[in-house]
Amino acid sequence: MKKNNKFKIRVFEENDRKDLVELWRDCDLVVPWNDPDKDIDMKITYHPQGLLVAETNNTLVGSVMVGYEGHRGWINYLAVSPSLQRKGIGKALMQAAEELLKSMGCPKINLQVRNTNKNVIAFYSHLGYKDDDVIGMGKRL
């Protein structure tokens, strides 16, 4: 998909699963109410091209899950190995996600960040995202 001299971004492949779940755990993205394997299964069932990974030296080092339901795009599971953060991998994953959504006709991207996660808020702000001054609400089914 995309490649620079340090890392490559491509679509998830099944043999990435173990490393992807481990990456998400290392980045504290796995919570008790979300089974990462089920999240991967649902994503690859409905839109496999929307699960992107970054790799360097044949090692999975980043991910982003991209969704679009015809109205807004969504970003989930953006992760970069903690030891490789601040090296452009997260920015490149977001650029790839934005390009994918643009190619689908998506007019706007939404994402959710815990309000206590100041570093991630600063990262997204640097990329041009802003607080939409809305309250995120949800209901588990």
N, C-alpha and C. Protein backbone atom coordinates (compact mmCIF):
# COMPACT_ATOMS: atom_id res chain seq x y z
N MET A 1 0.84 -1.19 0.00
CA MET A 1 0.00 0.00 0.00
C MET A 1 0.88 1.25 0.00
N LYS A 2 1.44 1.62 1.15
CA LYS A 2 2.34 2.77 1.25
C LYS A 2 3.63 2.28 1.88
N LYS A 3 4.72 2.84 1.41
CA LYS A 3 6.00 2.43 1.95
C LYS A 3 6.94 3.62 1.96
N ASN A 4 7.69 3.76 3.05
CA ASN A 4 8.81 4.68 3.05
C ASN A 4 10.03 3.84 3.41
N ASN A 5 11.16 4.46 3.59
CA ASN A 5 12.35 3.66 3.83
C ASN A 5 12.42 3.08 5.25
N LYS A 6 11.47 3.44 6.13
CA LYS A 6 11.48 2.93 7.49
C LYS A 6 10.37 1.93 7.79
N PHE A 7 9.21 2.11 7.16
CA PHE A 7 8.08 1.22 7.43
C PHE A 7 7.14 1.17 6.23
N LYS A 8 6.28 0.15 6.23
CA LYS A 8 5.31 -0.06 5.16
C LYS A 8 3.93 -0.15 5.79
N ILE A 9 2.93 0.45 5.14
CA ILE A 9 1.53 0.34 5.57
C ILE A 9 0.81 -0.53 4.56
N ARG A 10 0.08 -1.51 5.07
CA ARG A 10 -0.63 -2.45 4.21
C ARG A 10 -1.90 -2.93 4.92
N VAL A 11 -2.72 -3.67 4.19
CA VAL A 11 -3.95 -4.24 4.74
C VAL A 11 -3.59 -5.44 5.63
N PHE A 12 -4.29 -5.56 6.72
CA PHE A 12 -4.15 -6.67 7.66
C PHE A 12 -4.25 -8.01 6.93
N GLU A 13 -3.44 -8.95 7.36
CA GLU A 13 -3.51 -10.35 6.90
C GLU A 13 -3.69 -11.23 8.12
N GLU A 14 -4.35 -12.34 7.95
CA GLU A 14 -4.68 -13.20 9.09
C GLU A 14 -3.45 -13.58 9.92
N ASN A 15 -2.31 -13.76 9.29
CA ASN A 15 -1.12 -14.13 10.07
C ASN A 15 -0.59 -12.97 10.92
N ASP A 16 -1.20 -11.78 10.84
CA ASP A 16 -0.86 -10.64 11.69
C ASP A 16 -1.59 -10.67 13.02
N ARG A 17 -2.61 -11.50 13.15
CA ARG A 17 -3.55 -11.42 14.28
C ARG A 17 -2.86 -11.42 15.64
N LYS A 18 -2.03 -12.39 15.91
CA LYS A 18 -1.39 -12.50 17.23
C LYS A 18 -0.60 -11.23 17.54
N ASP A 19 0.19 -10.76 16.59
CA ASP A 19 1.01 -9.56 16.81
C ASP A 19 0.14 -8.32 16.95
N LEU A 20 -0.97 -8.27 16.22
CA LEU A 20 -1.86 -7.11 16.30
C LEU A 20 -2.50 -7.02 17.68
N VAL A 21 -3.00 -8.13 18.18
CA VAL A 21 -3.61 -8.13 19.51
C VAL A 21 -2.56 -7.76 20.57
N GLU A 22 -1.36 -8.26 20.42
CA GLU A 22 -0.28 -7.93 21.35
C GLU A 22 0.03 -6.42 21.30
N LEU A 23 0.07 -5.85 20.08
CA LEU A 23 0.29 -4.41 19.93
C LEU A 23 -0.80 -3.63 20.66
N TRP A 24 -2.06 -4.01 20.43
CA TRP A 24 -3.16 -3.31 21.09
C TRP A 24 -3.05 -3.40 22.61
N ARG A 25 -2.62 -4.55 23.11
CA ARG A 25 -2.44 -4.70 24.56
C ARG A 25 -1.29 -3.79 25.04
N ASP A 26 -0.19 -3.76 24.30
CA ASP A 26 0.95 -2.92 24.67
C ASP A 26 0.57 -1.44 24.70
N CYS A 27 -0.40 -1.05 23.87
CA CYS A 27 -0.83 0.35 23.78
C CYS A 27 -2.05 0.63 24.66
N ASP A 28 -2.43 -0.32 25.51
CA ASP A 28 -3.56 -0.18 26.43
C ASP A 28 -4.88 0.09 25.71
N LEU A 29 -5.06 -0.52 24.55
CA LEU A 29 -6.31 -0.34 23.80
C LEU A 29 -7.32 -1.46 24.07
N VAL A 30 -6.90 -2.51 24.72
CA VAL A 30 -7.80 -3.63 25.00
C VAL A 30 -8.45 -3.39 26.36
N VAL A 31 -9.76 -3.39 26.33
CA VAL A 31 -10.54 -3.19 27.55
C VAL A 31 -11.42 -4.42 27.77
N PRO A 32 -11.86 -4.66 29.01
CA PRO A 32 -12.60 -5.89 29.30
C PRO A 32 -13.86 -6.10 28.44
N TRP A 33 -14.51 -5.02 28.03
CA TRP A 33 -15.77 -5.15 27.30
C TRP A 33 -15.57 -5.28 25.79
N ASN A 34 -14.35 -5.26 25.30
CA ASN A 34 -14.08 -5.46 23.88
C ASN A 34 -13.11 -6.62 23.72
N ASP A 35 -13.52 -7.66 23.05
CA ASP A 35 -12.65 -8.79 22.73
C ASP A 35 -11.93 -8.45 21.43
N PRO A 36 -10.61 -8.28 21.47
CA PRO A 36 -9.90 -7.86 20.26
C PRO A 36 -10.04 -8.83 19.09
N ASP A 37 -10.10 -10.12 19.38
CA ASP A 37 -10.27 -11.08 18.29
C ASP A 37 -11.64 -10.93 17.63
N LYS A 38 -12.67 -10.70 18.44
CA LYS A 38 -14.01 -10.47 17.87
C LYS A 38 -14.04 -9.18 17.06
N ASP A 39 -13.34 -8.13 17.55
CA ASP A 39 -13.29 -6.87 16.80
C ASP A 39 -12.60 -7.06 15.45
N ILE A 40 -11.53 -7.83 15.44
CA ILE A 40 -10.85 -8.13 14.17
C ILE A 40 -11.78 -8.93 13.26
N ASP A 41 -12.43 -9.96 13.81
CA ASP A 41 -13.34 -10.78 13.00
C ASP A 41 -14.45 -9.95 12.37
N MET A 42 -15.05 -9.06 13.17
CA MET A 42 -16.13 -8.23 12.63
C MET A 42 -15.61 -7.31 11.52
N LYS A 43 -14.43 -6.73 11.75
CA LYS A 43 -13.89 -5.80 10.76
C LYS A 43 -13.58 -6.51 9.45
N ILE A 44 -12.92 -7.66 9.51
CA ILE A 44 -12.56 -8.33 8.26
C ILE A 44 -13.77 -8.98 7.58
N THR A 45 -14.85 -9.17 8.33
CA THR A 45 -16.07 -9.66 7.71
C THR A 45 -16.75 -8.57 6.90
N TYR A 46 -16.79 -7.35 7.43
CA TYR A 46 -17.54 -6.27 6.79
C TYR A 46 -16.72 -5.35 5.91
N HIS A 47 -15.46 -5.15 6.23
CA HIS A 47 -14.64 -4.26 5.41
C HIS A 47 -13.16 -4.55 5.68
N PRO A 48 -12.65 -5.64 5.13
CA PRO A 48 -11.26 -6.03 5.44
C PRO A 48 -10.22 -5.00 5.03
N GLN A 49 -10.49 -4.21 3.99
CA GLN A 49 -9.53 -3.20 3.54
C GLN A 49 -9.40 -2.06 4.54
N GLY A 50 -10.29 -2.00 5.52
CA GLY A 50 -10.27 -0.93 6.50
C GLY A 50 -9.46 -1.22 7.75
N LEU A 51 -8.76 -2.34 7.76
CA LEU A 51 -7.87 -2.63 8.88
C LEU A 51 -6.45 -2.60 8.33
N LEU A 52 -5.75 -1.52 8.66
CA LEU A 52 -4.40 -1.28 8.13
C LEU A 52 -3.37 -1.52 9.22
N VAL A 53 -2.23 -2.03 8.81
CA VAL A 53 -1.12 -2.23 9.74
C VAL A 53 0.14 -1.60 9.17
N ALA A 54 1.03 -1.23 10.07
CA ALA A 54 2.36 -0.73 9.68
C ALA A 54 3.36 -1.78 10.13
N GLU A 55 4.35 -2.01 9.27
CA GLU A 55 5.40 -2.96 9.65
C GLU A 55 6.76 -2.41 9.27
N THR A 56 7.74 -2.82 10.02
CA THR A 56 9.12 -2.50 9.73
C THR A 56 9.95 -3.75 10.01
N ASN A 57 10.84 -4.06 9.11
CA ASN A 57 11.67 -5.26 9.25
C ASN A 57 10.83 -6.50 9.55
N ASN A 58 9.69 -6.64 8.85
CA ASN A 58 8.76 -7.76 9.02
C ASN A 58 8.17 -7.85 10.42
N THR A 59 8.15 -6.74 11.15
CA THR A 59 7.56 -6.69 12.48
C THR A 59 6.40 -5.70 12.46
N LEU A 60 5.26 -6.13 12.97
CA LEU A 60 4.08 -5.26 13.03
C LEU A 60 4.31 -4.21 14.11
N VAL A 61 4.21 -2.93 13.74
CA VAL A 61 4.51 -1.85 14.68
C VAL A 61 3.38 -0.82 14.81
N GLY A 62 2.31 -0.96 14.03
CA GLY A 62 1.22 0.01 14.10
C GLY A 62 -0.04 -0.51 13.46
N SER A 63 -1.15 0.16 13.77
CA SER A 63 -2.44 -0.22 13.17
C SER A 63 -3.41 0.94 13.21
N VAL A 64 -4.40 0.85 12.36
CA VAL A 64 -5.56 1.74 12.42
C VAL A 64 -6.74 0.98 11.81
N MET A 65 -7.90 1.12 12.44
CA MET A 65 -9.14 0.53 11.92
C MET A 65 -10.00 1.68 11.40
N VAL A 66 -10.39 1.58 10.14
CA VAL A 66 -11.11 2.63 9.45
C VAL A 66 -12.53 2.16 9.14
N GLY A 67 -13.52 2.96 9.49
CA GLY A 67 -14.91 2.62 9.21
C GLY A 67 -15.63 3.74 8.50
N TYR A 68 -16.62 3.37 7.72
CA TYR A 68 -17.46 4.36 7.04
C TYR A 68 -18.83 3.75 6.83
N GLU A 69 -19.86 4.44 7.32
CA GLU A 69 -21.22 3.92 7.18
C GLU A 69 -22.05 4.74 6.21
N GLY A 70 -21.39 5.55 5.39
CA GLY A 70 -22.10 6.32 4.39
C GLY A 70 -22.38 7.75 4.79
N HIS A 71 -22.11 8.09 6.04
CA HIS A 71 -22.34 9.44 6.52
C HIS A 71 -21.06 10.05 7.11
N ARG A 72 -20.40 9.32 7.99
CA ARG A 72 -19.17 9.77 8.62
C ARG A 72 -18.17 8.63 8.66
N GLY A 73 -16.91 9.00 8.59
CA GLY A 73 -15.85 8.02 8.76
C GLY A 73 -15.47 7.95 10.23
N TRP A 74 -14.94 6.80 10.63
CA TRP A 74 -14.55 6.59 12.01
C TRP A 74 -13.15 5.98 12.07
N ILE A 75 -12.40 6.39 13.07
CA ILE A 75 -11.07 5.86 13.32
C ILE A 75 -11.11 5.13 14.66
N ASN A 76 -10.60 3.90 14.67
CA ASN A 76 -10.48 3.11 15.88
C ASN A 76 -9.14 2.40 15.88
N TYR A 77 -8.73 1.98 17.04
CA TYR A 77 -7.51 1.16 17.20
C TYR A 77 -6.28 1.75 16.52
N LEU A 78 -6.12 3.07 16.56
CA LEU A 78 -4.85 3.64 16.12
C LEU A 78 -3.83 3.29 17.19
N ALA A 79 -2.78 2.60 16.78
CA ALA A 79 -1.77 2.15 17.73
C ALA A 79 -0.40 2.17 17.07
N VAL A 80 0.60 2.54 17.85
CA VAL A 80 2.00 2.47 17.42
C VAL A 80 2.77 1.90 18.60
N SER A 81 3.64 0.96 18.33
CA SER A 81 4.47 0.38 19.39
C SER A 81 5.06 1.49 20.25
N PRO A 82 4.90 1.39 21.56
CA PRO A 82 5.38 2.47 22.43
C PRO A 82 6.83 2.89 22.17
N SER A 83 7.69 1.96 21.85
CA SER A 83 9.10 2.30 21.63
C SER A 83 9.34 3.02 20.30
N LEU A 84 8.33 3.03 19.43
CA LEU A 84 8.48 3.66 18.12
C LEU A 84 7.58 4.87 17.92
N GLN A 85 6.93 5.32 18.98
CA GLN A 85 6.08 6.49 18.86
C GLN A 85 6.92 7.73 18.62
N ARG A 86 6.30 8.73 17.99
CA ARG A 86 6.95 10.01 17.64
C ARG A 86 8.00 9.86 16.54
N LYS A 87 7.76 8.87 15.67
CA LYS A 87 8.67 8.66 14.53
C LYS A 87 7.93 8.74 13.19
N GLY A 88 6.66 9.23 13.23
CA GLY A 88 5.90 9.42 11.99
C GLY A 88 5.00 8.27 11.60
N ILE A 89 5.01 7.18 12.35
CA ILE A 89 4.19 6.02 11.98
C ILE A 89 2.71 6.32 12.19
N GLY A 90 2.36 6.91 13.33
CA GLY A 90 0.96 7.25 13.59
C GLY A 90 0.43 8.25 12.58
N LYS A 91 1.22 9.24 12.26
CA LYS A 91 0.82 10.23 11.26
C LYS A 91 0.61 9.57 9.90
N ALA A 92 1.50 8.69 9.51
CA ALA A 92 1.36 7.99 8.23
C ALA A 92 0.14 7.08 8.21
N LEU A 93 -0.14 6.41 9.33
CA LEU A 93 -1.35 5.59 9.41
C LEU A 93 -2.60 6.45 9.26
N MET A 94 -2.61 7.61 9.90
CA MET A 94 -3.76 8.51 9.78
C MET A 94 -3.90 9.04 8.36
N GLN A 95 -2.80 9.35 7.70
CA GLN A 95 -2.87 9.80 6.31
C GLN A 95 -3.44 8.70 5.43
N ALA A 96 -3.02 7.46 5.65
CA ALA A 96 -3.55 6.33 4.87
C ALA A 96 -5.04 6.15 5.14
N ALA A 97 -5.44 6.30 6.40
CA ALA A 97 -6.87 6.19 6.76
C ALA A 97 -7.68 7.28 6.08
N GLU A 98 -7.17 8.51 6.11
CA GLU A 98 -7.87 9.63 5.48
C GLU A 98 -7.99 9.43 3.97
N GLU A 99 -6.94 8.96 3.34
CA GLU A 99 -6.98 8.70 1.90
C GLU A 99 -8.01 7.63 1.56
N LEU A 100 -8.05 6.57 2.36
CA LEU A 100 -9.03 5.51 2.15
C LEU A 100 -10.45 6.07 2.27
N LEU A 101 -10.70 6.85 3.30
CA LEU A 101 -12.04 7.42 3.49
C LEU A 101 -12.40 8.40 2.38
N LYS A 102 -11.45 9.23 1.96
CA LYS A 102 -11.72 10.14 0.84
C LYS A 102 -12.10 9.36 -0.41
N SER A 103 -11.41 8.25 -0.66
CA SER A 103 -11.69 7.45 -1.86
C SER A 103 -13.08 6.85 -1.83
N MET A 104 -13.67 6.76 -0.63
CA MET A 104 -15.02 6.21 -0.46
C MET A 104 -16.07 7.32 -0.48
N GLY A 105 -15.65 8.57 -0.64
CA GLY A 105 -16.59 9.69 -0.66
C GLY A 105 -16.93 10.22 0.71
N CYS A 106 -16.18 9.88 1.71
CA CYS A 106 -16.45 10.31 3.08
C CYS A 106 -16.17 11.80 3.25
N PRO A 107 -17.15 12.56 3.79
CA PRO A 107 -16.97 14.01 3.95
C PRO A 107 -16.35 14.45 5.28
N LYS A 108 -16.36 13.58 6.30
CA LYS A 108 -15.88 13.98 7.63
C LYS A 108 -15.49 12.74 8.42
N ILE A 109 -14.46 12.89 9.23
CA ILE A 109 -13.99 11.79 10.07
C ILE A 109 -14.28 12.11 11.52
N ASN A 110 -14.79 11.14 12.25
CA ASN A 110 -15.00 11.25 13.69
C ASN A 110 -14.07 10.25 14.39
N LEU A 111 -13.69 10.60 15.58
CA LEU A 111 -12.95 9.67 16.42
C LEU A 111 -13.21 10.04 17.86
N GLN A 112 -12.99 9.11 18.74
CA GLN A 112 -13.22 9.37 20.15
C GLN A 112 -11.93 9.12 20.91
N VAL A 113 -11.65 10.01 21.85
CA VAL A 113 -10.47 9.92 22.70
C VAL A 113 -10.94 10.19 24.13
N ARG A 114 -10.46 9.40 25.06
CA ARG A 114 -10.79 9.68 26.46
C ARG A 114 -10.25 11.07 26.81
N ASN A 115 -11.05 11.88 27.49
CA ASN A 115 -10.65 13.27 27.77
C ASN A 115 -9.45 13.36 28.70
N THR A 116 -9.07 12.27 29.33
CA THR A 116 -7.88 12.25 30.18
C THR A 116 -6.60 11.95 29.40
N ASN A 117 -6.73 11.56 28.15
CA ASN A 117 -5.58 11.15 27.34
C ASN A 117 -5.00 12.35 26.60
N LYS A 118 -4.35 13.22 27.34
CA LYS A 118 -3.86 14.50 26.79
C LYS A 118 -2.84 14.33 25.66
N ASN A 119 -1.97 13.33 25.73
CA ASN A 119 -0.98 13.13 24.67
C ASN A 119 -1.64 12.78 23.34
N VAL A 120 -2.65 11.94 23.38
CA VAL A 120 -3.33 11.55 22.16
C VAL A 120 -4.16 12.71 21.62
N ILE A 121 -4.77 13.48 22.49
CA ILE A 121 -5.51 14.66 22.06
C ILE A 121 -4.57 15.63 21.36
N ALA A 122 -3.38 15.82 21.91
CA ALA A 122 -2.39 16.71 21.28
C ALA A 122 -1.96 16.17 19.92
N PHE A 123 -1.79 14.85 19.81
CA PHE A 123 -1.42 14.23 18.53
C PHE A 123 -2.47 14.53 17.47
N TYR A 124 -3.74 14.25 17.77
CA TYR A 124 -4.81 14.50 16.80
C TYR A 124 -4.94 15.99 16.49
N SER A 125 -4.79 16.84 17.48
CA SER A 125 -4.86 18.29 17.25
C SER A 125 -3.77 18.72 16.27
N HIS A 126 -2.59 18.17 16.42
CA HIS A 126 -1.48 18.49 15.52
C HIS A 126 -1.81 18.08 14.08
N LEU A 127 -2.64 17.05 13.91
CA LEU A 127 -3.04 16.59 12.58
C LEU A 127 -4.25 17.36 12.03
N GLY A 128 -4.76 18.33 12.78
CA GLY A 128 -5.87 19.14 12.30
C GLY A 128 -7.23 18.76 12.83
N TYR A 129 -7.30 17.80 13.72
CA TYR A 129 -8.57 17.41 14.33
C TYR A 129 -8.87 18.37 15.47
N LYS A 130 -10.17 18.60 15.71
CA LYS A 130 -10.54 19.51 16.78
C LYS A 130 -11.72 18.95 17.55
N ASP A 131 -11.91 19.48 18.72
CA ASP A 131 -13.03 19.08 19.57
C ASP A 131 -14.31 19.60 18.93
N ASP A 132 -15.23 18.70 18.60
CA ASP A 132 -16.50 19.09 17.99
C ASP A 132 -17.52 19.58 19.01
N ASP A 133 -17.10 19.63 20.28
CA ASP A 133 -17.98 20.08 21.36
C ASP A 133 -19.28 19.29 21.36
N VAL A 134 -19.13 17.98 21.35
CA VAL A 134 -20.27 17.06 21.43
C VAL A 134 -20.00 16.08 22.55
N ILE A 135 -21.01 15.40 22.97
CA ILE A 135 -20.87 14.35 23.97
C ILE A 135 -21.00 13.02 23.26
N GLY A 136 -20.02 12.16 23.42
CA GLY A 136 -20.11 10.83 22.85
C GLY A 136 -20.97 9.95 23.75
N MET A 137 -21.92 9.30 23.16
CA MET A 137 -22.81 8.43 23.94
C MET A 137 -22.80 7.05 23.30
N GLY A 138 -23.05 6.05 24.08
CA GLY A 138 -23.07 4.70 23.56
C GLY A 138 -23.96 3.81 24.39
N LYS A 139 -24.25 2.65 23.84
CA LYS A 139 -25.04 1.64 24.52
C LYS A 139 -24.54 0.28 24.10
N ARG A 140 -24.14 -0.53 25.02
CA ARG A 140 -23.67 -1.88 24.70
C ARG A 140 -24.87 -2.78 24.45
N LEU A 141 -24.77 -3.54 23.37
CA LEU A 141 -25.87 -4.46 23.02
C LEU A 141 -25.49 -5.89 23.35
